[in-house]
Each structure stands twice: as structure tokens, then as C-alpha cells.
Amino acid sequence: MVTFHCSIPHLPACAILWPANLLLAHNSLSEIYQHALRVWEQGDADPLQLEFHLGSLEGDAMDLLGAIKSDPISPELTEWLMSLAELVGQLYTAITSYRDSIQNQ
């Protein structure tokens, strides 16, 4: 079984204060990730619940990451974005595999 971090990475340290929209995006991404992770960890979710969280990861989370990437605030964000996108992708893959396994039972 794959193990995941219990939360998304913190924003990198920066010489400037991060803009409010980036902080809000981080909070939203954190909530999307943590809710999807809890559903995956509980191991008894129904397919509809899994589909909802897959949609949140694929749509909402990836849209937020894309918006952050398209408006580069600081070079420090590049590594953070890549690690977060990888983490979201891994969780998406795990939930998809879980959904497929329960649908094939």
C-alpha cells in the first residue's frame, strides 16, 4: 500500500510575503488533498464518493496549480509546484486504482 504525506508541502521560504491569493490557493489545495486522502485511507468509500474526490483532484487542484504556474510570483515556487503536482497525481492514481478494484469485484 502506498503511503502519502498527511499534508501538502508548505510554501517555500521567501524574502517577500506571499500574496493573499497564493495563500488562499495553498489552503484550498490542502483541503482538497486532505479530504481525498482521508477517503482513500478509510478503505470503504463508495464509488460515487471516490468519483467526487477524483474530480476535485483532477479539476480543482490541477486548475489551481495551473493558475499558480501561469502567474509566476517567484522562482522558489517551481520546485514546490512540481512536488505538489506529483503528490496530487500519485493520490489520484491511488484512488483511481482503488475505485477500479472495487468496481471489478
PDB file of N, CA and C in Angstrom:
ATOM      1  N   MET A   1       0.842  -1.183   0.000  1.00  0.00           N
ATOM      2  CA  MET A   1       0.000   0.000   0.000  1.00  0.00           C
ATOM      3  C   MET A   1       0.883   1.241   0.000  1.00  0.00           C
ATOM      4  N   VAL A   2       0.527   2.181  -0.809  1.00  0.00           N
ATOM      5  CA  VAL A   2       1.272   3.435  -0.913  1.00  0.00           C
ATOM      6  C   VAL A   2       1.003   4.281   0.320  1.00  0.00           C
ATOM      7  N   THR A   3       2.029   4.951   0.803  1.00  0.00           N
ATOM      8  CA  THR A   3       1.825   5.897   1.904  1.00  0.00           C
ATOM      9  C   THR A   3       2.000   7.314   1.372  1.00  0.00           C
ATOM     10  N   PHE A   4       1.201   8.188   1.906  1.00  0.00           N
ATOM     11  CA  PHE A   4       1.210   9.580   1.490  1.00  0.00           C
ATOM     12  C   PHE A   4       1.496  10.473   2.678  1.00  0.00           C
ATOM     13  N   HIS A   5       2.034  11.647   2.380  1.00  0.00           N
ATOM     14  CA  HIS A   5       2.194  12.660   3.417  1.00  0.00           C
ATOM     15  C   HIS A   5       0.806  13.049   3.908  1.00  0.00           C
ATOM     16  N   CYS A   6       0.705  13.399   5.183  1.00  0.00           N
ATOM     17  CA  CYS A   6      -0.601  13.772   5.725  1.00  0.00           C
ATOM     18  C   CYS A   6      -1.033  15.166   5.292  1.00  0.00           C
ATOM     19  N   SER A   7      -0.116  15.922   4.716  1.00  0.00           N
ATOM     20  CA  SER A   7      -0.468  17.255   4.232  1.00  0.00           C
ATOM     21  C   SER A   7       0.414  17.607   3.035  1.00  0.00           C
ATOM     22  N   ILE A   8       0.005  18.642   2.323  1.00  0.00           N
ATOM     23  CA  ILE A   8       0.808  19.089   1.187  1.00  0.00           C
ATOM     24  C   ILE A   8       2.026  19.867   1.711  1.00  0.00           C
ATOM     25  N   PRO A   9       3.054  20.008   0.882  1.00  0.00           N
ATOM     26  CA  PRO A   9       4.231  20.771   1.330  1.00  0.00           C
ATOM     27  C   PRO A   9       3.876  22.228   1.635  1.00  0.00           C
ATOM     28  N   HIS A  10       4.564  22.756   2.612  1.00  0.00           N
ATOM     29  CA  HIS A  10       4.405  24.181   2.917  1.00  0.00           C
ATOM     30  C   HIS A  10       4.971  25.005   1.771  1.00  0.00           C
ATOM     31  N   LEU A  11       4.493  26.206   1.643  1.00  0.00           N
ATOM     32  CA  LEU A  11       5.087  27.116   0.664  1.00  0.00           C
ATOM     33  C   LEU A  11       6.545  27.349   1.035  1.00  0.00           C
ATOM     34  N   PRO A  12       7.410  27.478   0.047  1.00  0.00           N
ATOM     35  CA  PRO A  12       8.828  27.692   0.360  1.00  0.00           C
ATOM     36  C   PRO A  12       9.055  29.033   1.046  1.00  0.00           C
ATOM     37  N   ALA A  13      10.140  29.080   1.781  1.00  0.00           N
ATOM     38  CA  ALA A  13      10.524  30.345   2.404  1.00  0.00           C
ATOM     39  C   ALA A  13      10.864  31.334   1.298  1.00  0.00           C
ATOM     40  N   CYS A  14      10.537  32.567   1.548  1.00  0.00           N
ATOM     41  CA  CYS A  14      10.748  33.584   0.514  1.00  0.00           C
ATOM     42  C   CYS A  14      11.071  34.912   1.178  1.00  0.00           C
ATOM     43  N   ALA A  15      11.849  35.710   0.475  1.00  0.00           N
ATOM     44  CA  ALA A  15      12.229  37.021   1.007  1.00  0.00           C
ATOM     45  C   ALA A  15      11.054  37.987   1.047  1.00  0.00           C
ATOM     46  N   ILE A  16      10.043  37.707   0.219  1.00  0.00           N
ATOM     47  CA  ILE A  16       8.858  38.576   0.201  1.00  0.00           C
ATOM     48  C   ILE A  16       7.700  37.842   0.879  1.00  0.00           C
ATOM     49  N   LEU A  17       6.681  38.571   1.233  1.00  0.00           N
ATOM     50  CA  LEU A  17       5.470  37.924   1.746  1.00  0.00           C
ATOM     51  C   LEU A  17       4.689  37.374   0.558  1.00  0.00           C
ATOM     52  N   TRP A  18       4.191  36.165   0.697  1.00  0.00           N
ATOM     53  CA  TRP A  18       3.393  35.582  -0.387  1.00  0.00           C
ATOM     54  C   TRP A  18       2.082  36.340  -0.506  1.00  0.00           C
ATOM     55  N   PRO A  19       1.609  36.572  -1.724  1.00  0.00           N
ATOM     56  CA  PRO A  19       0.331  37.267  -1.923  1.00  0.00           C
ATOM     57  C   PRO A  19      -0.837  36.464  -1.333  1.00  0.00           C
ATOM     58  N   ALA A  20      -1.871  37.167  -0.984  1.00  0.00           N
ATOM     59  CA  ALA A  20      -3.040  36.535  -0.370  1.00  0.00           C
ATOM     60  C   ALA A  20      -3.658  35.473  -1.275  1.00  0.00           C
ATOM     61  N   ASN A  21      -3.686  35.703  -2.593  1.00  0.00           N
ATOM     62  CA  ASN A  21      -4.298  34.718  -3.479  1.00  0.00           C
ATOM     63  C   ASN A  21      -3.514  33.405  -3.489  1.00  0.00           C
ATOM     64  N   LEU A  22      -2.203  33.482  -3.324  1.00  0.00           N
ATOM     65  CA  LEU A  22      -1.397  32.263  -3.250  1.00  0.00           C
ATOM     66  C   LEU A  22      -1.651  31.532  -1.935  1.00  0.00           C
ATOM     67  N   LEU A  23      -1.772  32.270  -0.864  1.00  0.00           N
ATOM     68  CA  LEU A  23      -2.070  31.651   0.433  1.00  0.00           C
ATOM     69  C   LEU A  23      -3.444  30.984   0.414  1.00  0.00           C
ATOM     70  N   LEU A  24      -4.416  31.640  -0.210  1.00  0.00           N
ATOM     71  CA  LEU A  24      -5.750  31.033  -0.338  1.00  0.00           C
ATOM     72  C   LEU A  24      -5.708  29.774  -1.208  1.00  0.00           C
ATOM     73  N   ALA A  25      -4.949  29.825  -2.291  1.00  0.00           N
ATOM     74  CA  ALA A  25      -4.807  28.652  -3.158  1.00  0.00           C
ATOM     75  C   ALA A  25      -4.153  27.510  -2.394  1.00  0.00           C
ATOM     76  N   HIS A  26      -3.148  27.812  -1.588  1.00  0.00           N
ATOM     77  CA  HIS A  26      -2.490  26.781  -0.771  1.00  0.00           C
ATOM     78  C   HIS A  26      -3.483  26.145   0.193  1.00  0.00           C
ATOM     79  N   ASN A  27      -4.306  26.969   0.835  1.00  0.00           N
ATOM     80  CA  ASN A  27      -5.312  26.434   1.762  1.00  0.00           C
ATOM     81  C   ASN A  27      -6.323  25.554   1.026  1.00  0.00           C
ATOM     82  N   SER A  28      -6.768  25.984  -0.141  1.00  0.00           N
ATOM     83  CA  SER A  28      -7.720  25.188  -0.922  1.00  0.00           C
ATOM     84  C   SER A  28      -7.099  23.873  -1.355  1.00  0.00           C
ATOM     85  N   LEU A  29      -5.869  23.922  -1.839  1.00  0.00           N
ATOM     86  CA  LEU A  29      -5.172  22.702  -2.255  1.00  0.00           C
ATOM     87  C   LEU A  29      -5.001  21.749  -1.070  1.00  0.00           C
ATOM     88  N   SER A  30      -4.698  22.309   0.070  1.00  0.00           N
ATOM     89  CA  SER A  30      -4.525  21.497   1.268  1.00  0.00           C
ATOM     90  C   SER A  30      -5.826  20.780   1.637  1.00  0.00           C
ATOM     91  N   GLU A  31      -6.939  21.494   1.589  1.00  0.00           N
ATOM     92  CA  GLU A  31      -8.234  20.890   1.908  1.00  0.00           C
ATOM     93  C   GLU A  31      -8.612  19.807   0.902  1.00  0.00           C
ATOM     94  N   ILE A  32      -8.422  20.071  -0.383  1.00  0.00           N
ATOM     95  CA  ILE A  32      -8.736  19.085  -1.422  1.00  0.00           C
ATOM     96  C   ILE A  32      -7.917  17.827  -1.189  1.00  0.00           C
ATOM     97  N   TYR A  33      -6.620  17.996  -0.957  1.00  0.00           N
ATOM     98  CA  TYR A  33      -5.726  16.861  -0.757  1.00  0.00           C
ATOM     99  C   TYR A  33      -6.105  16.071   0.498  1.00  0.00           C
ATOM    100  N   GLN A  34      -6.296  16.758   1.607  1.00  0.00           N
ATOM    101  CA  GLN A  34      -6.586  16.067   2.863  1.00  0.00           C
ATOM    102  C   GLN A  34      -7.926  15.336   2.822  1.00  0.00           C
ATOM    103  N   HIS A  35      -8.945  15.920   2.215  1.00  0.00           N
ATOM    104  CA  HIS A  35     -10.240  15.240   2.107  1.00  0.00           C
ATOM    105  C   HIS A  35     -10.122  13.995   1.236  1.00  0.00           C
ATOM    106  N   ALA A  36      -9.439  14.107   0.109  1.00  0.00           N
ATOM    107  CA  ALA A  36      -9.257  12.950  -0.773  1.00  0.00           C
ATOM    108  C   ALA A  36      -8.422  11.874  -0.088  1.00  0.00           C
ATOM    109  N   LEU A  37      -7.406  12.287   0.633  1.00  0.00           N
ATOM    110  CA  LEU A  37      -6.552  11.330   1.345  1.00  0.00           C
ATOM    111  C   LEU A  37      -7.336  10.570   2.410  1.00  0.00           C
ATOM    112  N   ARG A  38      -8.179  11.265   3.148  1.00  0.00           N
ATOM    113  CA  ARG A  38      -8.997  10.590   4.181  1.00  0.00           C
ATOM    114  C   ARG A  38      -9.918   9.552   3.567  1.00  0.00           C
ATOM    115  N   VAL A  39     -10.520   9.880   2.439  1.00  0.00           N
ATOM    116  CA  VAL A  39     -11.411   8.932   1.773  1.00  0.00           C
ATOM    117  C   VAL A  39     -10.622   7.705   1.318  1.00  0.00           C
ATOM    118  N   TRP A  40      -9.455   7.922   0.763  1.00  0.00           N
ATOM    119  CA  TRP A  40      -8.625   6.809   0.302  1.00  0.00           C
ATOM    120  C   TRP A  40      -8.166   5.955   1.477  1.00  0.00           C
ATOM    121  N   GLU A  41      -7.794   6.587   2.582  1.00  0.00           N
ATOM    122  CA  GLU A  41      -7.290   5.851   3.741  1.00  0.00           C
ATOM    123  C   GLU A  41      -8.371   5.050   4.461  1.00  0.00           C
ATOM    124  N   GLN A  42      -9.616   5.513   4.415  1.00  0.00           N
ATOM    125  CA  GLN A  42     -10.657   4.803   5.153  1.00  0.00           C
ATOM    126  C   GLN A  42     -10.955   3.440   4.532  1.00  0.00           C
ATOM    127  N   GLY A  43     -10.719   3.285   3.239  1.00  0.00           N
ATOM    128  CA  GLY A  43     -10.800   1.981   2.603  1.00  0.00           C
ATOM    129  C   GLY A  43     -12.189   1.408   2.388  1.00  0.00           C
ATOM    130  N   ASP A  44     -13.235   2.148   2.683  1.00  0.00           N
ATOM    131  CA  ASP A  44     -14.579   1.607   2.460  1.00  0.00           C
ATOM    132  C   ASP A  44     -15.496   2.622   1.767  1.00  0.00           C
ATOM    133  N   ALA A  45     -14.891   3.475   0.976  1.00  0.00           N
ATOM    134  CA  ALA A  45     -15.668   4.504   0.286  1.00  0.00           C
ATOM    135  C   ALA A  45     -16.456   3.892  -0.863  1.00  0.00           C
ATOM    136  N   ASP A  46     -17.589   4.493  -1.165  1.00  0.00           N
ATOM    137  CA  ASP A  46     -18.375   4.019  -2.299  1.00  0.00           C
ATOM    138  C   ASP A  46     -17.858   4.696  -3.575  1.00  0.00           C
ATOM    139  N   PRO A  47     -18.136   4.106  -4.733  1.00  0.00           N
ATOM    140  CA  PRO A  47     -17.622   4.646  -5.991  1.00  0.00           C
ATOM    141  C   PRO A  47     -18.010   6.106  -6.249  1.00  0.00           C
ATOM    142  N   LEU A  48     -19.201   6.519  -5.858  1.00  0.00           N
ATOM    143  CA  LEU A  48     -19.622   7.902  -6.065  1.00  0.00           C
ATOM    144  C   LEU A  48     -18.748   8.871  -5.265  1.00  0.00           C
ATOM    145  N   GLN A  49     -18.451   8.494  -4.053  1.00  0.00           N
ATOM    146  CA  GLN A  49     -17.592   9.319  -3.202  1.00  0.00           C
ATOM    147  C   GLN A  49     -16.183   9.408  -3.810  1.00  0.00           C
ATOM    148  N   LEU A  50     -15.702   8.290  -4.319  1.00  0.00           N
ATOM    149  CA  LEU A  50     -14.384   8.289  -4.956  1.00  0.00           C
ATOM    150  C   LEU A  50     -14.373   9.177  -6.200  1.00  0.00           C
ATOM    151  N   GLU A  51     -15.441   9.092  -6.990  1.00  0.00           N
ATOM    152  CA  GLU A  51     -15.540   9.926  -8.196  1.00  0.00           C
ATOM    153  C   GLU A  51     -15.530  11.413  -7.849  1.00  0.00           C
ATOM    154  N   PHE A  52     -16.209  11.772  -6.776  1.00  0.00           N
ATOM    155  CA  PHE A  52     -16.230  13.165  -6.346  1.00  0.00           C
ATOM    156  C   PHE A  52     -14.816  13.662  -6.059  1.00  0.00           C
ATOM    157  N   HIS A  53     -14.056  12.879  -5.293  1.00  0.00           N
ATOM    158  CA  HIS A  53     -12.707  13.296  -4.920  1.00  0.00           C
ATOM    159  C   HIS A  53     -11.734  13.224  -6.095  1.00  0.00           C
ATOM    160  N   LEU A  54     -11.947  12.278  -6.994  1.00  0.00           N
ATOM    161  CA  LEU A  54     -11.136  12.253  -8.211  1.00  0.00           C
ATOM    162  C   LEU A  54     -11.381  13.522  -9.022  1.00  0.00           C
ATOM    163  N   GLY A  55     -12.638  13.928  -9.108  1.00  0.00           N
ATOM    164  CA  GLY A  55     -12.974  15.167  -9.815  1.00  0.00           C
ATOM    165  C   GLY A  55     -12.352  16.387  -9.166  1.00  0.00           C
ATOM    166  N   SER A  56     -12.318  16.410  -7.845  1.00  0.00           N
ATOM    167  CA  SER A  56     -11.695  17.531  -7.129  1.00  0.00           C
ATOM    168  C   SER A  56     -10.197  17.585  -7.376  1.00  0.00           C
ATOM    169  N   LEU A  57      -9.562  16.424  -7.372  1.00  0.00           N
ATOM    170  CA  LEU A  57      -8.120  16.389  -7.624  1.00  0.00           C
ATOM    171  C   LEU A  57      -7.805  16.777  -9.067  1.00  0.00           C
ATOM    172  N   GLU A  58      -8.537  16.173 -10.000  1.00  0.00           N
ATOM    173  CA  GLU A  58      -8.271  16.405 -11.413  1.00  0.00           C
ATOM    174  C   GLU A  58      -8.685  17.805 -11.855  1.00  0.00           C
ATOM    175  N   GLY A  59      -9.788  18.274 -11.352  1.00  0.00           N
ATOM    176  CA  GLY A  59     -10.295  19.576 -11.770  1.00  0.00           C
ATOM    177  C   GLY A  59      -9.789  20.697 -10.893  1.00  0.00           C
ATOM    178  N   ASP A  60     -10.292  20.765  -9.689  1.00  0.00           N
ATOM    179  CA  ASP A  60      -9.998  21.898  -8.807  1.00  0.00           C
ATOM    180  C   ASP A  60      -8.509  22.032  -8.489  1.00  0.00           C
ATOM    181  N   ALA A  61      -7.893  20.936  -8.043  1.00  0.00           N
ATOM    182  CA  ALA A  61      -6.480  21.015  -7.643  1.00  0.00           C
ATOM    183  C   ALA A  61      -5.592  21.340  -8.838  1.00  0.00           C
ATOM    184  N   MET A  62      -5.804  20.663  -9.952  1.00  0.00           N
ATOM    185  CA  MET A  62      -4.953  20.910 -11.116  1.00  0.00           C
ATOM    186  C   MET A  62      -5.197  22.303 -11.699  1.00  0.00           C
ATOM    187  N   ASP A  63      -6.432  22.788 -11.633  1.00  0.00           N
ATOM    188  CA  ASP A  63      -6.718  24.159 -12.081  1.00  0.00           C
ATOM    189  C   ASP A  63      -5.967  25.181 -11.228  1.00  0.00           C
ATOM    190  N   LEU A  64      -5.973  24.972  -9.917  1.00  0.00           N
ATOM    191  CA  LEU A  64      -5.245  25.885  -9.034  1.00  0.00           C
ATOM    192  C   LEU A  64      -3.743  25.838  -9.298  1.00  0.00           C
ATOM    193  N   LEU A  65      -3.205  24.632  -9.465  1.00  0.00           N
ATOM    194  CA  LEU A  65      -1.778  24.517  -9.763  1.00  0.00           C
ATOM    195  C   LEU A  65      -1.432  25.193 -11.087  1.00  0.00           C
ATOM    196  N   GLY A  66      -2.295  25.015 -12.077  1.00  0.00           N
ATOM    197  CA  GLY A  66      -2.075  25.656 -13.370  1.00  0.00           C
ATOM    198  C   GLY A  66      -2.113  27.169 -13.270  1.00  0.00           C
ATOM    199  N   ALA A  67      -3.036  27.685 -12.473  1.00  0.00           N
ATOM    200  CA  ALA A  67      -3.130  29.140 -12.297  1.00  0.00           C
ATOM    201  C   ALA A  67      -1.887  29.688 -11.615  1.00  0.00           C
ATOM    202  N   ILE A  68      -1.391  28.968 -10.627  1.00  0.00           N
ATOM    203  CA  ILE A  68      -0.176  29.414  -9.943  1.00  0.00           C
ATOM    204  C   ILE A  68       1.007  29.382 -10.917  1.00  0.00           C
ATOM    205  N   LYS A  69       1.078  28.321 -11.708  1.00  0.00           N
ATOM    206  CA  LYS A  69       2.187  28.190 -12.662  1.00  0.00           C
ATOM    207  C   LYS A  69       2.144  29.289 -13.726  1.00  0.00           C
ATOM    208  N   SER A  70       0.951  29.648 -14.156  1.00  0.00           N
ATOM    209  CA  SER A  70       0.841  30.642 -15.231  1.00  0.00           C
ATOM    210  C   SER A  70       1.124  32.065 -14.764  1.00  0.00           C
ATOM    211  N   ASP A  71       1.136  32.277 -13.465  1.00  0.00           N
ATOM    212  CA  ASP A  71       1.415  33.601 -12.920  1.00  0.00           C
ATOM    213  C   ASP A  71       2.582  33.486 -11.939  1.00  0.00           C
ATOM    214  N   PRO A  72       3.782  33.276 -12.470  1.00  0.00           N
ATOM    215  CA  PRO A  72       4.922  33.024 -11.580  1.00  0.00           C
ATOM    216  C   PRO A  72       5.225  34.226 -10.691  1.00  0.00           C
ATOM    217  N   ILE A  73       5.160  33.990  -9.426  1.00  0.00           N
ATOM    218  CA  ILE A  73       5.402  35.040  -8.453  1.00  0.00           C
ATOM    219  C   ILE A  73       6.880  35.044  -8.070  1.00  0.00           C
ATOM    220  N   SER A  74       7.439  33.846  -7.981  1.00  0.00           N
ATOM    221  CA  SER A  74       8.815  33.711  -7.518  1.00  0.00           C
ATOM    222  C   SER A  74       9.399  32.399  -8.033  1.00  0.00           C
ATOM    223  N   PRO A  75      10.672  32.365  -8.345  1.00  0.00           N
ATOM    224  CA  PRO A  75      11.283  31.124  -8.818  1.00  0.00           C
ATOM    225  C   PRO A  75      11.257  30.004  -7.773  1.00  0.00           C
ATOM    226  N   GLU A  76      11.143  30.365  -6.505  1.00  0.00           N
ATOM    227  CA  GLU A  76      11.090  29.361  -5.447  1.00  0.00           C
ATOM    228  C   GLU A  76       9.859  28.458  -5.572  1.00  0.00           C
ATOM    229  N   LEU A  77       8.860  28.940  -6.282  1.00  0.00           N
ATOM    230  CA  LEU A  77       7.619  28.162  -6.413  1.00  0.00           C
ATOM    231  C   LEU A  77       7.737  26.992  -7.382  1.00  0.00           C
ATOM    232  N   THR A  78       8.695  27.016  -8.276  1.00  0.00           N
ATOM    233  CA  THR A  78       8.791  25.980  -9.302  1.00  0.00           C
ATOM    234  C   THR A  78       8.942  24.588  -8.692  1.00  0.00           C
ATOM    235  N   GLU A  79       9.882  24.421  -7.799  1.00  0.00           N
ATOM    236  CA  GLU A  79      10.093  23.114  -7.165  1.00  0.00           C
ATOM    237  C   GLU A  79       8.879  22.715  -6.328  1.00  0.00           C
ATOM    238  N   TRP A  80       8.308  23.671  -5.614  1.00  0.00           N
ATOM    239  CA  TRP A  80       7.126  23.402  -4.804  1.00  0.00           C
ATOM    240  C   TRP A  80       5.966  22.933  -5.685  1.00  0.00           C
ATOM    241  N   LEU A  81       5.751  23.619  -6.805  1.00  0.00           N
ATOM    242  CA  LEU A  81       4.685  23.238  -7.733  1.00  0.00           C
ATOM    243  C   LEU A  81       4.900  21.829  -8.278  1.00  0.00           C
ATOM    244  N   MET A  82       6.124  21.516  -8.634  1.00  0.00           N
ATOM    245  CA  MET A  82       6.410  20.190  -9.186  1.00  0.00           C
ATOM    246  C   MET A  82       6.169  19.100  -8.154  1.00  0.00           C
ATOM    247  N   SER A  83       6.617  19.311  -6.922  1.00  0.00           N
ATOM    248  CA  SER A  83       6.423  18.290  -5.893  1.00  0.00           C
ATOM    249  C   SER A  83       4.950  18.142  -5.542  1.00  0.00           C
ATOM    250  N   LEU A  84       4.225  19.247  -5.520  1.00  0.00           N
ATOM    251  CA  LEU A  84       2.802  19.181  -5.205  1.00  0.00           C
ATOM    252  C   LEU A  84       2.014  18.520  -6.330  1.00  0.00           C
ATOM    253  N   ALA A  85       2.338  18.850  -7.576  1.00  0.00           N
ATOM    254  CA  ALA A  85       1.666  18.212  -8.711  1.00  0.00           C
ATOM    255  C   ALA A  85       1.921  16.707  -8.712  1.00  0.00           C
ATOM    256  N   GLU A  86       3.129  16.302  -8.373  1.00  0.00           N
ATOM    257  CA  GLU A  86       3.452  14.875  -8.295  1.00  0.00           C
ATOM    258  C   GLU A  86       2.652  14.198  -7.185  1.00  0.00           C
ATOM    259  N   LEU A  87       2.553  14.836  -6.039  1.00  0.00           N
ATOM    260  CA  LEU A  87       1.804  14.288  -4.913  1.00  0.00           C
ATOM    261  C   LEU A  87       0.320  14.141  -5.251  1.00  0.00           C
ATOM    262  N   VAL A  88      -0.259  15.168  -5.860  1.00  0.00           N
ATOM    263  CA  VAL A  88      -1.667  15.123  -6.271  1.00  0.00           C
ATOM    264  C   VAL A  88      -1.864  14.011  -7.299  1.00  0.00           C
ATOM    265  N   GLY A  89      -0.939  13.895  -8.245  1.00  0.00           N
ATOM    266  CA  GLY A  89      -1.022  12.847  -9.262  1.00  0.00           C
ATOM    267  C   GLY A  89      -0.940  11.448  -8.672  1.00  0.00           C
ATOM    268  N   GLN A  90      -0.085  11.260  -7.696  1.00  0.00           N
ATOM    269  CA  GLN A  90       0.041   9.952  -7.051  1.00  0.00           C
ATOM    270  C   GLN A  90      -1.223   9.584  -6.286  1.00  0.00           C
ATOM    271  N   LEU A  91      -1.804  10.557  -5.594  1.00  0.00           N
ATOM    272  CA  LEU A  91      -3.046  10.289  -4.869  1.00  0.00           C
ATOM    273  C   LEU A  91      -4.178  10.000  -5.853  1.00  0.00           C
ATOM    274  N   TYR A  92      -4.219  10.737  -6.946  1.00  0.00           N
ATOM    275  CA  TYR A  92      -5.232  10.499  -7.982  1.00  0.00           C
ATOM    276  C   TYR A  92      -5.102   9.068  -8.522  1.00  0.00           C
ATOM    277  N   THR A  93      -3.891   8.647  -8.797  1.00  0.00           N
ATOM    278  CA  THR A  93      -3.645   7.293  -9.304  1.00  0.00           C
ATOM    279  C   THR A  93      -4.064   6.238  -8.284  1.00  0.00           C
ATOM    280  N   ALA A  94      -3.757   6.459  -7.026  1.00  0.00           N
ATOM    281  CA  ALA A  94      -4.121   5.503  -5.977  1.00  0.00           C
ATOM    282  C   ALA A  94      -5.637   5.389  -5.836  1.00  0.00           C
ATOM    283  N   ILE A  95      -6.323   6.519  -5.847  1.00  0.00           N
ATOM    284  CA  ILE A  95      -7.789   6.480  -5.720  1.00  0.00           C
ATOM    285  C   ILE A  95      -8.410   5.841  -6.955  1.00  0.00           C
ATOM    286  N   THR A  96      -7.867   6.132  -8.129  1.00  0.00           N
ATOM    287  CA  THR A  96      -8.375   5.514  -9.360  1.00  0.00           C
ATOM    288  C   THR A  96      -8.217   4.002  -9.305  1.00  0.00           C
ATOM    289  N   SER A  97      -7.066   3.535  -8.867  1.00  0.00           N
ATOM    290  CA  SER A  97      -6.831   2.088  -8.753  1.00  0.00           C
ATOM    291  C   SER A  97      -7.795   1.454  -7.749  1.00  0.00           C
ATOM    292  N   TYR A  98      -8.001   2.138  -6.633  1.00  0.00           N
ATOM    293  CA  TYR A  98      -8.924   1.637  -5.620  1.00  0.00           C
ATOM    294  C   TYR A  98     -10.347   1.573  -6.177  1.00  0.00           C
ATOM    295  N   ARG A  99     -10.772   2.627  -6.852  1.00  0.00           N
ATOM    296  CA  ARG A  99     -12.104   2.650  -7.457  1.00  0.00           C
ATOM    297  C   ARG A  99     -12.271   1.515  -8.462  1.00  0.00           C
ATOM    298  N   ASP A 100     -11.269   1.333  -9.312  1.00  0.00           N
ATOM    299  CA  ASP A 100     -11.332   0.276 -10.317  1.00  0.00           C
ATOM    300  C   ASP A 100     -11.399  -1.105  -9.672  1.00  0.00           C
ATOM    301  N   SER A 101     -10.672  -1.291  -8.572  1.00  0.00           N
ATOM    302  CA  SER A 101     -10.662  -2.599  -7.910  1.00  0.00           C
ATOM    303  C   SER A 101     -12.028  -2.921  -7.272  1.00  0.00           C
ATOM    304  N   ILE A 102     -12.688  -1.919  -6.704  1.00  0.00           N
ATOM    305  CA  ILE A 102     -13.990  -2.220  -6.096  1.00  0.00           C
ATOM    306  C   ILE A 102     -15.089  -2.348  -7.155  1.00  0.00           C
ATOM    307  N   GLN A 103     -14.909  -1.696  -8.293  1.00  0.00           N
ATOM    308  CA  GLN A 103     -15.898  -1.833  -9.365  1.00  0.00           C
ATOM    309  C   GLN A 103     -15.779  -3.193 -10.048  1.00  0.00           C
ATOM    310  N   ASN A 104     -14.609  -3.809  -9.992  1.00  0.00           N
ATOM    311  CA  ASN A 104     -14.388  -5.097 -10.633  1.00  0.00           C
ATOM    312  C   ASN A 104     -14.668  -6.275  -9.718  1.00  0.00           C
ATOM    313  N   GLN A 105     -15.171  -6.017  -8.526  1.00  0.00           N
ATOM    314  CA  GLN A 105     -15.468  -7.119  -7.584  1.00  0.00           C
ATOM    315  C   GLN A 105     -16.788  -7.750  -7.900  1.00  0.00           C
TER     316      GLN A 105
END
